[in-house]
Amino acid sequence: MKTRCLALMATLAGLTVAQPAMAQRQACGDRGQIIERLSVKYGETRQSMGLNHNNGMVEVFASADTGTWTILITMPTGMSCLMAAGENWEGQPEEATRSGSNT
């Protein structure tokens, strides 16, 4: 898994641009270019998305064929950064259960 993350970061290195804080620690760049590389190189498509507390769009990309996955965050400024990546993706949603429920 570490190799996969390093390989993806190296792939995205050409997209990295100088930005404060978060961008200096992670691979960041143009969202469209990153998504294209995730699709072409790893066969990943968006599986889910949501907004974080800073109004950043958090997206999970994954491929059932390659088993790879990537978490990408795009800030309101338009900057997209790789947050995590790995292998052995299993896209099986679980139903929430409530504590004390009889079901």
Protein backbone atom coordinates (compact mmCIF):
# COMPACT_ATOMS: atom_id res chain seq x y z
CA MET A 1 0.00 0.00 0.00
CA LYS A 2 2.84 2.41 0.79
CA THR A 3 4.24 1.75 -2.68
CA ARG A 4 0.86 2.57 -4.27
CA CYS A 5 0.61 5.87 -2.39
CA LEU A 6 4.18 6.83 -3.28
CA ALA A 7 3.61 5.92 -6.93
CA LEU A 8 0.46 8.02 -7.07
CA MET A 9 2.20 10.95 -5.42
CA ALA A 10 5.03 10.66 -7.93
CA THR A 11 2.49 10.56 -10.76
CA LEU A 12 0.84 13.70 -9.43
CA ALA A 13 4.13 15.44 -8.70
CA GLY A 14 3.99 17.15 -12.07
CA LEU A 15 0.75 18.78 -10.96
CA THR A 16 2.06 20.10 -7.66
CA VAL A 17 1.99 23.85 -7.31
CA ALA A 18 3.28 26.07 -4.54
CA GLN A 19 0.56 26.70 -1.96
CA PRO A 20 0.66 27.28 1.80
CA ALA A 21 0.43 24.57 4.51
CA MET A 22 -1.55 21.62 3.10
CA ALA A 23 -0.10 21.78 -0.41
CA GLN A 24 3.45 21.74 0.90
CA ARG A 25 2.92 18.34 2.54
CA GLN A 26 0.81 16.66 -0.13
CA ALA A 27 0.46 16.25 -3.87
CA CYS A 28 -1.84 19.03 -5.03
CA GLY A 29 -2.89 20.43 -8.37
CA ASP A 30 -5.68 20.93 -10.88
CA ARG A 31 -8.69 18.72 -10.04
CA GLY A 32 -9.45 17.89 -13.68
CA GLN A 33 -5.89 16.73 -14.36
CA ILE A 34 -5.76 14.66 -11.17
CA ILE A 35 -9.08 12.95 -11.94
CA GLU A 36 -7.94 12.22 -15.48
CA ARG A 37 -4.77 10.56 -14.18
CA LEU A 38 -6.73 8.53 -11.63
CA SER A 39 -8.99 7.33 -14.43
CA VAL A 40 -6.31 6.60 -17.03
CA LYS A 41 -3.62 5.10 -14.80
CA TYR A 42 -5.73 3.32 -12.17
CA GLY A 43 -9.22 3.05 -13.70
CA GLU A 44 -10.68 4.92 -10.73
CA THR A 45 -14.04 6.67 -10.76
CA ARG A 46 -15.78 8.69 -8.05
CA GLN A 47 -17.57 6.45 -5.59
CA SER A 48 -18.75 9.02 -3.06
CA MET A 49 -18.43 12.67 -2.05
CA GLY A 50 -19.30 15.13 0.70
CA LEU A 51 -18.37 18.50 2.19
CA ASN A 52 -16.04 18.86 5.16
CA HIS A 53 -16.27 21.56 7.85
CA ASN A 54 -14.22 23.99 5.71
CA ASN A 55 -16.53 23.53 2.69
CA GLY A 56 -13.90 21.40 0.99
CA MET A 57 -15.28 18.73 -1.31
CA VAL A 58 -14.03 15.31 -0.18
CA GLU A 59 -14.21 12.63 -2.87
CA VAL A 60 -13.42 8.94 -2.80
CA PHE A 61 -12.29 7.46 -6.12
CA ALA A 62 -11.86 3.71 -6.54
CA SER A 63 -11.67 0.90 -9.06
CA ALA A 64 -13.19 -2.54 -8.55
CA ASP A 65 -10.91 -3.81 -11.36
CA THR A 66 -7.58 -2.59 -9.98
CA GLY A 67 -8.63 -2.49 -6.31
CA THR A 68 -7.04 0.94 -5.87
CA TRP A 69 -8.65 3.89 -4.08
CA THR A 70 -7.85 7.56 -3.58
CA ILE A 71 -9.26 10.27 -1.30
CA LEU A 72 -9.10 13.74 -2.84
CA ILE A 73 -10.10 17.04 -1.25
CA THR A 74 -10.84 20.16 -3.28
CA MET A 75 -10.92 23.42 -1.36
CA PRO A 76 -13.20 26.35 -2.28
CA THR A 77 -10.13 28.02 -3.81
CA GLY A 78 -10.08 25.25 -6.44
CA MET A 79 -6.91 23.58 -5.14
CA SER A 80 -7.19 19.75 -5.04
CA CYS A 81 -4.93 17.64 -2.83
CA LEU A 82 -4.37 13.91 -2.45
CA MET A 83 -5.25 12.96 1.13
CA ALA A 84 -4.78 9.17 1.02
CA ALA A 85 -4.48 6.30 -1.42
CA GLY A 86 -4.36 2.55 -1.15
CA GLU A 87 -5.25 -0.87 -2.46
CA ASN A 88 -7.76 -3.68 -1.88
CA TRP A 89 -10.85 -1.49 -2.29
CA GLU A 90 -14.16 -3.12 -1.37
CA GLY A 91 -17.13 -0.94 -2.19
CA GLN A 92 -19.73 -2.64 -0.03
CA PRO A 93 -21.99 -0.25 1.83
CA GLU A 94 -23.02 -1.29 5.31
CA GLU A 95 -26.34 -0.40 6.85
CA ALA A 96 -26.15 1.62 10.04
CA THR A 97 -27.25 -0.13 13.19
CA ARG A 98 -28.42 1.61 16.32
CA SER A 99 -27.26 0.59 19.73
CA GLY A 100 -30.08 -1.16 21.58
CA SER A 101 -32.02 -1.81 18.37
CA ASN A 102 -33.96 -5.08 18.07
CA THR A 103 -33.16 -5.44 14.38
